[in-house]
Amino acid sequence: MKRFLAILLGLSISLGTAGYLHYDVYADEDVPAITSESAIKQEVLKNLDKVKLEFTIPTKIPVYKSKEVDKIFKNIMDELSSTANYGFGNLTGYSYHISSKLGLIHIKVEAYYLTTPEQEKKINDKVKRIVKENHLKDMTDFEKVYFVNKYIASHTEYSSNATDDGHSAYAVLFDHKAVCQGYALAAYRILTEAGVETKYITGQVKDSNHAWNKVKVNGKWYNLDITWNDPMPDRGERYRLNYFLISDQQLAKDHYWKYRSENPATSKKYEFLMNAQAFDINKNNFYYTLQSDSNVYKWNMNTNKKTVLFQNNMPLKYIDVKGKWLTLEDFYGDITKAKIDGSNYTSLSKNNVNHWAAYVKQ
């Protein structure tokens, strides 16, 4: 029996799949105790995350349940098309067949990926280098996710004019151009290497297929959509926090997904950052401005205390923290400095007063 089907992965990729049943009877030793759907699913995820081109899942399920296992395997792959790991997100197609050894079912899978083994090696090397050179393993979960959001959004232009039409992590890391799938896969690789539990999610936005991530920060799950945190047209190093560590409830206002909520994101702890205009982080303190006022805030992430440091004359474009000093740049390009406690507020531009007067008149 042979079947062919296509599963839409949710991001302009069709997974070509083929499956058939085949029965052989011969001895096999050391068969693991795989007897359930969840165990089969974990074996699939484990092997795909290693980007294996082919692998076999030996089970202790009797051969007379082969049709049942065939259905289970298809259900697993359908579920993974909405929420999975890097390996599944990197798939372009797969085939499988079910056989028996000594009356027990074995599932053999052949997988086809966006990337070649050579590209995967380059991805692995660069991801390890990014994590090591930027000391990500010394950071908190929040700092790791903040860094990856900043790194990918500020180094990548949204474009399909790239390797694999921008769908792969390779396109992000080496072409610096990608579409949503590439953003989410690259984020998955860097965050996982840094020690942050991460999921690859697919769904829809405005009837278009889309991909993003879920991340686990301090024991709680949040949504992270770096594609939508990267302004269009591309603005170089500018990026946003509009879709940074937000809840399912907030994301559902413009995103749709069908997966079961095995990892529901219910916390709204960080959603005040959605309206951040300018921001930077330094030693457990997060400095930011909001679109709604001219205050410069300091948020201590250990105590969760928020403090108003001072009011700035003009809406800010950038905040940069170095040592004990904040450097502030407004949308006119004028520069102001202040100490991280809010003292010694000093204008470094002669144009500040004139620009402030023009701003007030608007």
Protein backbone atom coordinates (compact mmCIF):
# COMPACT_ATOMS: atom_id res chain seq x y z
CA MET A 1 0.00 0.00 0.00
CA LYS A 2 1.42 3.39 -0.96
CA ARG A 3 0.10 6.85 -0.26
CA PHE A 4 1.21 10.36 -1.15
CA LEU A 5 0.12 13.53 0.57
CA ALA A 6 1.27 17.10 1.09
CA ILE A 7 1.28 18.95 4.37
CA LEU A 8 1.36 22.72 4.32
CA LEU A 9 3.99 23.79 6.80
CA GLY A 10 2.45 27.20 7.19
CA LEU A 11 5.07 29.27 5.44
CA SER A 12 5.01 28.80 1.71
CA ILE A 13 6.60 25.33 1.95
CA SER A 14 4.86 22.12 1.00
CA LEU A 15 6.21 19.00 2.61
CA GLY A 16 6.16 16.16 0.14
CA THR A 17 5.44 12.97 2.04
CA ALA A 18 5.12 9.33 1.15
CA GLY A 19 4.39 6.33 3.29
CA TYR A 20 3.98 2.63 2.83
CA LEU A 21 3.72 -0.53 4.87
CA HIS A 22 6.13 -3.43 4.45
CA TYR A 23 6.47 -6.54 6.56
CA ASP A 24 9.62 -8.55 7.15
CA VAL A 25 10.28 -10.96 9.95
CA TYR A 26 13.82 -11.14 11.34
CA ALA A 27 15.49 -10.85 14.70
CA ASP A 28 16.47 -7.54 16.28
CA GLU A 29 18.15 -7.05 19.62
CA ASP A 30 18.13 -4.09 22.02
CA VAL A 31 14.83 -2.67 20.77
CA PRO A 32 13.94 0.35 22.94
CA ALA A 33 10.64 0.34 24.80
CA ILE A 34 8.84 2.66 22.40
CA THR A 35 5.19 1.78 22.75
CA SER A 36 3.29 5.11 22.65
CA GLU A 37 2.54 8.02 20.34
CA SER A 38 4.42 10.45 22.59
CA ALA A 39 7.54 8.26 22.51
CA ILE A 40 7.42 8.05 18.70
CA LYS A 41 7.01 11.83 18.54
CA GLN A 42 10.07 12.40 20.74
CA GLU A 43 12.15 10.09 18.53
CA VAL A 44 11.05 12.00 15.44
CA LEU A 45 11.92 15.36 17.04
CA LYS A 46 15.28 14.10 18.29
CA ASN A 47 16.37 12.83 14.91
CA LEU A 48 15.07 15.82 12.94
CA ASP A 49 16.84 18.23 15.29
CA LYS A 50 20.07 16.43 14.39
CA VAL A 51 19.16 17.03 10.72
CA LYS A 52 19.50 13.31 9.97
CA LEU A 53 18.82 12.37 6.38
CA GLU A 54 17.42 8.99 7.39
CA PHE A 55 16.66 7.23 10.64
CA THR A 56 14.73 4.24 11.98
CA ILE A 57 12.42 4.18 14.99
CA PRO A 58 12.26 0.64 16.40
CA THR A 59 9.24 0.00 18.60
CA LYS A 60 7.76 -2.76 20.71
CA ILE A 61 4.36 -2.31 19.09
CA PRO A 62 3.10 -5.59 17.55
CA VAL A 63 2.85 -5.77 13.78
CA TYR A 64 -0.91 -6.30 13.74
CA LYS A 65 -1.20 -2.63 14.81
CA SER A 66 0.63 -1.40 11.71
CA LYS A 67 -2.34 0.51 10.28
CA GLU A 68 -2.88 2.14 13.65
CA VAL A 69 0.79 3.16 13.79
CA ASP A 70 0.57 4.51 10.23
CA LYS A 71 -2.29 6.78 11.34
CA ILE A 72 -0.42 7.79 14.51
CA PHE A 73 2.67 8.76 12.52
CA LYS A 74 0.66 10.93 10.16
CA ASN A 75 -1.07 12.62 13.11
CA ILE A 76 2.32 13.34 14.67
CA MET A 77 3.67 14.95 11.52
CA ASP A 78 0.48 16.98 11.08
CA GLU A 79 0.74 18.26 14.66
CA LEU A 80 4.41 19.10 14.20
CA SER A 81 3.53 21.19 11.16
CA SER A 82 2.18 23.80 13.63
CA THR A 83 4.53 23.57 16.59
CA ALA A 84 7.88 21.80 16.46
CA ASN A 85 11.63 22.13 16.57
CA TYR A 86 14.35 23.33 14.24
CA GLY A 87 14.57 20.05 12.35
CA PHE A 88 10.91 19.97 11.36
CA GLY A 89 10.95 23.67 10.48
CA ASN A 90 13.92 22.98 8.22
CA LEU A 91 12.13 20.17 6.34
CA THR A 92 11.08 20.39 2.72
CA GLY A 93 9.68 16.87 2.63
CA TYR A 94 9.94 13.34 3.96
CA SER A 95 9.03 9.73 3.17
CA TYR A 96 8.57 6.79 5.52
CA HIS A 97 7.75 3.12 5.54
CA ILE A 98 6.62 0.75 8.26
CA SER A 99 8.14 -2.72 8.48
CA SER A 100 8.35 -5.44 11.10
CA LYS A 101 11.23 -7.16 12.82
CA LEU A 102 10.40 -10.26 14.79
CA GLY A 103 6.79 -9.18 14.81
CA LEU A 104 7.52 -5.65 16.10
CA ILE A 105 6.98 -2.44 14.13
CA HIS A 106 9.89 -0.33 12.83
CA ILE A 107 9.40 3.07 11.18
CA LYS A 108 12.05 4.15 8.68
CA VAL A 109 12.11 7.83 7.74
CA GLU A 110 13.96 9.65 4.98
CA ALA A 111 14.07 13.43 5.44
CA TYR A 112 14.80 16.26 3.00
CA TYR A 113 15.91 19.65 4.31
CA LEU A 114 16.28 23.25 3.19
CA THR A 115 19.96 23.14 4.06
CA THR A 116 22.80 20.87 2.98
CA PRO A 117 25.10 19.12 5.49
CA GLU A 118 27.80 21.65 4.55
CA GLN A 119 25.48 24.56 5.26
CA GLU A 120 24.45 22.99 8.56
CA LYS A 121 28.09 22.79 9.61
CA LYS A 122 28.52 26.48 8.83
CA ILE A 123 25.34 27.28 10.78
CA ASN A 124 26.55 25.24 13.77
CA ASP A 125 29.93 26.97 13.77
CA LYS A 126 28.47 30.46 13.53
CA VAL A 127 25.82 29.86 16.17
CA LYS A 128 28.45 28.59 18.61
CA ARG A 129 30.64 31.60 17.81
CA ILE A 130 27.77 34.07 18.38
CA VAL A 131 26.95 32.49 21.74
CA LYS A 132 30.59 32.36 22.86
CA GLU A 133 31.72 35.81 21.69
CA ASN A 134 28.70 37.54 23.21
CA HIS A 135 28.81 35.52 26.47
CA LEU A 136 25.17 34.46 26.14
CA LYS A 137 25.53 31.58 28.58
CA ASP A 138 26.38 34.11 31.31
CA MET A 139 23.15 36.05 30.69
CA THR A 140 19.71 35.67 32.23
CA ASP A 141 16.91 34.16 30.13
CA PHE A 142 15.50 37.63 29.48
CA GLU A 143 18.87 38.99 28.39
CA LYS A 144 19.42 36.06 26.03
CA VAL A 145 16.07 36.57 24.30
CA TYR A 146 16.62 40.34 24.17
CA PHE A 147 20.03 39.83 22.57
CA VAL A 148 18.74 37.41 19.93
CA ASN A 149 15.81 39.68 19.06
CA LYS A 150 18.25 42.59 18.66
CA TYR A 151 20.90 40.58 16.80
CA ILE A 152 18.61 39.05 14.19
CA ALA A 153 16.41 42.12 13.63
CA SER A 154 19.38 44.49 13.31
CA HIS A 155 21.44 42.16 11.08
CA THR A 156 18.66 40.94 8.76
CA GLU A 157 16.59 42.51 6.01
CA TYR A 158 13.20 41.00 5.27
CA SER A 159 13.62 39.66 1.74
CA SER A 160 13.23 36.46 -0.27
CA ASN A 161 16.26 37.39 -2.37
CA ALA A 162 18.51 34.97 -0.51
CA THR A 163 19.58 31.33 -0.26
CA ASP A 164 16.54 28.99 -0.13
CA ASP A 165 14.42 32.08 -0.93
CA GLY A 166 15.15 33.29 2.59
CA HIS A 167 13.43 30.37 4.34
CA SER A 168 16.47 28.95 6.15
CA ALA A 169 18.60 29.90 9.14
CA TYR A 170 21.50 29.95 6.71
CA ALA A 171 19.89 32.88 4.86
CA VAL A 172 19.74 34.90 8.11
CA LEU A 173 23.24 34.10 9.31
CA PHE A 174 25.12 34.41 6.01
CA ASP A 175 22.97 36.36 3.52
CA HIS A 176 21.46 38.67 6.17
CA LYS A 177 18.22 38.48 4.21
CA ALA A 178 15.30 36.18 5.02
CA VAL A 179 11.57 35.72 5.42
CA CYS A 180 9.74 34.78 8.61
CA GLN A 181 10.72 31.11 8.51
CA GLY A 182 14.41 32.02 8.36
CA TYR A 183 14.03 34.50 11.26
CA ALA A 184 12.31 31.89 13.44
CA LEU A 185 14.74 29.07 12.59
CA ALA A 186 17.81 31.22 13.25
CA ALA A 187 16.32 32.37 16.56
CA TYR A 188 15.63 28.75 17.49
CA ARG A 189 19.24 27.75 16.82
CA ILE A 190 20.89 30.60 18.75
CA LEU A 191 18.49 30.50 21.71
CA THR A 192 18.72 26.72 22.04
CA GLU A 193 22.52 26.86 21.97
CA ALA A 194 22.34 29.57 24.66
CA GLY A 195 20.19 27.34 26.88
CA VAL A 196 16.71 28.83 26.32
CA GLU A 197 13.94 26.31 25.68
CA THR A 198 12.42 27.32 22.35
CA LYS A 199 9.62 26.23 20.01
CA TYR A 200 9.16 26.82 16.30
CA ILE A 201 5.56 27.89 15.61
CA THR A 202 3.62 28.32 12.38
CA GLY A 203 0.26 29.91 11.72
CA GLN A 204 -1.22 32.83 9.82
CA VAL A 205 -1.30 36.61 9.89
CA LYS A 206 -3.84 38.39 7.71
CA ASP A 207 -4.44 35.20 5.68
CA SER A 208 -0.70 34.85 4.99
CA ASN A 209 1.38 31.94 6.29
CA HIS A 210 3.77 32.93 9.03
CA ALA A 211 6.34 31.57 11.51
CA TRP A 212 7.54 32.75 14.92
CA ASN A 213 8.86 31.32 18.21
CA LYS A 214 7.81 30.49 21.70
CA VAL A 215 10.45 30.85 24.40
CA LYS A 216 10.61 29.84 28.05
CA VAL A 217 11.83 32.67 30.30
CA ASN A 218 12.14 32.04 34.04
CA GLY A 219 9.81 29.04 33.83
CA LYS A 220 7.06 30.72 31.79
CA TRP A 221 6.29 30.60 28.08
CA TYR A 222 6.07 33.71 25.88
CA ASN A 223 5.69 34.48 22.19
CA LEU A 224 8.54 36.06 20.23
CA ASP A 225 8.01 37.28 16.65
CA ILE A 226 11.31 38.77 15.51
CA THR A 227 10.04 39.24 11.95
CA TRP A 228 7.44 41.69 13.19
CA ASN A 229 9.98 43.32 15.49
CA ASP A 230 12.07 44.19 12.42
CA PRO A 231 10.73 47.39 10.81
CA MET A 232 10.00 47.54 7.08
CA PRO A 233 11.47 49.02 5.02
CA ASP A 234 14.72 47.96 6.65
CA ARG A 235 16.10 50.56 9.07
CA GLY A 236 19.49 49.08 9.76
CA GLU A 237 20.05 48.60 13.46
CA ARG A 238 16.61 49.85 14.52
CA TYR A 239 14.28 47.19 15.90
CA ARG A 240 11.17 47.00 18.05
CA LEU A 241 9.71 45.14 21.02
CA ASN A 242 6.09 45.07 19.84
CA TYR A 243 6.11 41.25 19.68
CA PHE A 244 8.71 40.59 22.37
CA LEU A 245 7.72 38.17 25.16
CA ILE A 246 3.97 38.59 24.79
CA SER A 247 1.09 36.37 25.81
CA ASP A 248 -1.11 34.19 23.60
CA GLN A 249 -3.98 36.59 24.30
CA GLN A 250 -2.01 39.55 22.99
CA LEU A 251 -0.61 37.65 19.99
CA ALA A 252 -4.07 36.40 19.01
CA LYS A 253 -5.11 39.97 18.15
CA ASP A 254 -3.43 39.57 14.76
CA HIS A 255 -1.92 36.04 14.67
CA TYR A 256 -3.77 32.76 14.21
CA TRP A 257 -2.54 29.25 14.99
CA LYS A 258 -4.18 25.85 15.34
CA TYR A 259 -1.80 23.93 17.61
CA ARG A 260 -2.88 22.64 20.99
CA SER A 261 -1.75 24.79 23.91
CA GLU A 262 0.80 22.39 25.36
CA ASN A 263 2.90 25.45 26.26
CA PRO A 264 0.36 28.22 26.87
CA ALA A 265 1.75 31.75 27.18
CA THR A 266 -0.41 33.42 29.83
CA SER A 267 1.99 35.86 31.51
CA LYS A 268 1.78 39.55 30.57
CA LYS A 269 4.79 40.56 32.62
CA TYR A 270 6.76 42.13 29.76
CA GLU A 271 3.96 43.56 27.66
CA PHE A 272 4.59 47.12 28.91
CA LEU A 273 7.67 47.00 26.66
CA MET A 274 5.48 46.78 23.55
CA ASN A 275 5.23 50.59 23.57
CA ALA A 276 8.92 51.21 24.19
CA GLN A 277 10.29 53.85 21.83
CA ALA A 278 14.00 53.80 22.69
CA PHE A 279 15.66 51.26 24.98
CA ASP A 280 18.82 49.52 26.11
CA ILE A 281 19.88 47.05 28.79
CA ASN A 282 22.78 46.98 31.23
CA LYS A 283 23.48 44.85 34.32
CA ASN A 284 19.90 43.87 35.25
CA ASN A 285 18.60 47.37 34.48
CA PHE A 286 16.48 48.16 31.45
CA TYR A 287 16.35 51.79 30.32
CA TYR A 288 13.49 52.88 28.06
CA THR A 289 11.09 55.57 26.92
CA LEU A 290 7.42 55.18 25.99
CA GLN A 291 5.57 56.62 23.04
CA SER A 292 3.00 58.15 25.38
CA ASP A 293 5.31 60.48 27.37
CA SER A 294 8.81 62.02 27.46
CA ASN A 295 10.04 60.21 30.58
CA VAL A 296 13.20 58.12 30.64
CA TYR A 297 12.55 55.05 32.81
CA LYS A 298 14.78 52.56 34.57
CA TRP A 299 13.37 49.10 35.26
CA ASN A 300 15.31 46.93 37.69
CA MET A 301 14.66 43.38 36.49
CA ASN A 302 15.63 41.84 39.83
CA THR A 303 13.24 43.87 41.97
CA ASN A 304 10.74 44.63 39.16
CA LYS A 305 10.85 48.28 40.29
CA LYS A 306 10.28 51.00 37.67
CA THR A 307 11.74 54.48 38.25
CA VAL A 308 11.43 57.73 36.29
CA LEU A 309 14.98 59.06 35.89
CA PHE A 310 14.14 62.35 34.16
CA GLN A 311 12.14 63.93 31.35
CA ASN A 312 13.84 64.36 28.01
CA ASN A 313 13.07 67.42 25.89
CA MET A 314 12.51 65.49 22.67
CA PRO A 315 11.21 62.02 21.78
CA LEU A 316 14.21 59.68 21.66
CA LYS A 317 15.36 57.50 18.81
CA TYR A 318 18.16 55.65 20.66
CA ILE A 319 19.36 54.99 24.19
CA ASP A 320 22.87 53.58 24.59
CA VAL A 321 24.23 52.47 27.97
CA LYS A 322 27.99 52.33 28.52
CA GLY A 323 29.33 51.96 32.04
CA LYS A 324 27.81 54.67 34.24
CA TRP A 325 26.51 56.80 31.36
CA LEU A 326 23.43 56.97 29.14
CA THR A 327 23.78 58.45 25.69
CA LEU A 328 20.47 59.67 24.27
CA GLU A 329 19.80 60.55 20.63
CA ASP A 330 16.57 62.18 19.45
CA PHE A 331 15.00 62.09 16.00
CA TYR A 332 16.83 65.27 14.99
CA GLY A 333 20.18 63.63 15.70
CA ASP A 334 20.85 65.73 18.81
CA ILE A 335 22.81 64.00 21.57
CA THR A 336 22.31 64.21 25.34
CA LYS A 337 24.16 62.41 28.10
CA ALA A 338 23.22 61.53 31.67
CA LYS A 339 24.44 59.21 34.39
CA ILE A 340 22.55 55.95 34.84
CA ASP A 341 21.01 57.32 38.08
CA GLY A 342 19.52 60.25 36.12
CA SER A 343 22.00 62.89 37.30
CA ASN A 344 24.36 65.07 35.22
CA TYR A 345 21.85 65.51 32.39
CA THR A 346 23.86 67.40 29.75
CA SER A 347 23.14 68.43 26.17
CA LEU A 348 26.00 67.83 23.73
CA SER A 349 24.32 69.61 20.81
CA LYS A 350 23.76 73.31 20.26
CA ASN A 351 20.67 72.51 18.20
CA ASN A 352 18.72 71.00 21.10
CA VAL A 353 17.06 74.26 22.17
CA ASN A 354 16.04 75.22 18.63
CA HIS A 355 14.66 71.76 17.89
CA TRP A 356 12.72 71.74 21.18
CA ALA A 357 11.12 75.06 20.31
CA ALA A 358 10.15 73.75 16.86
CA TYR A 359 8.72 70.58 18.41
CA VAL A 360 6.55 72.52 20.88
CA LYS A 361 5.07 74.63 18.07
CA GLN A 362 3.93 71.53 16.11
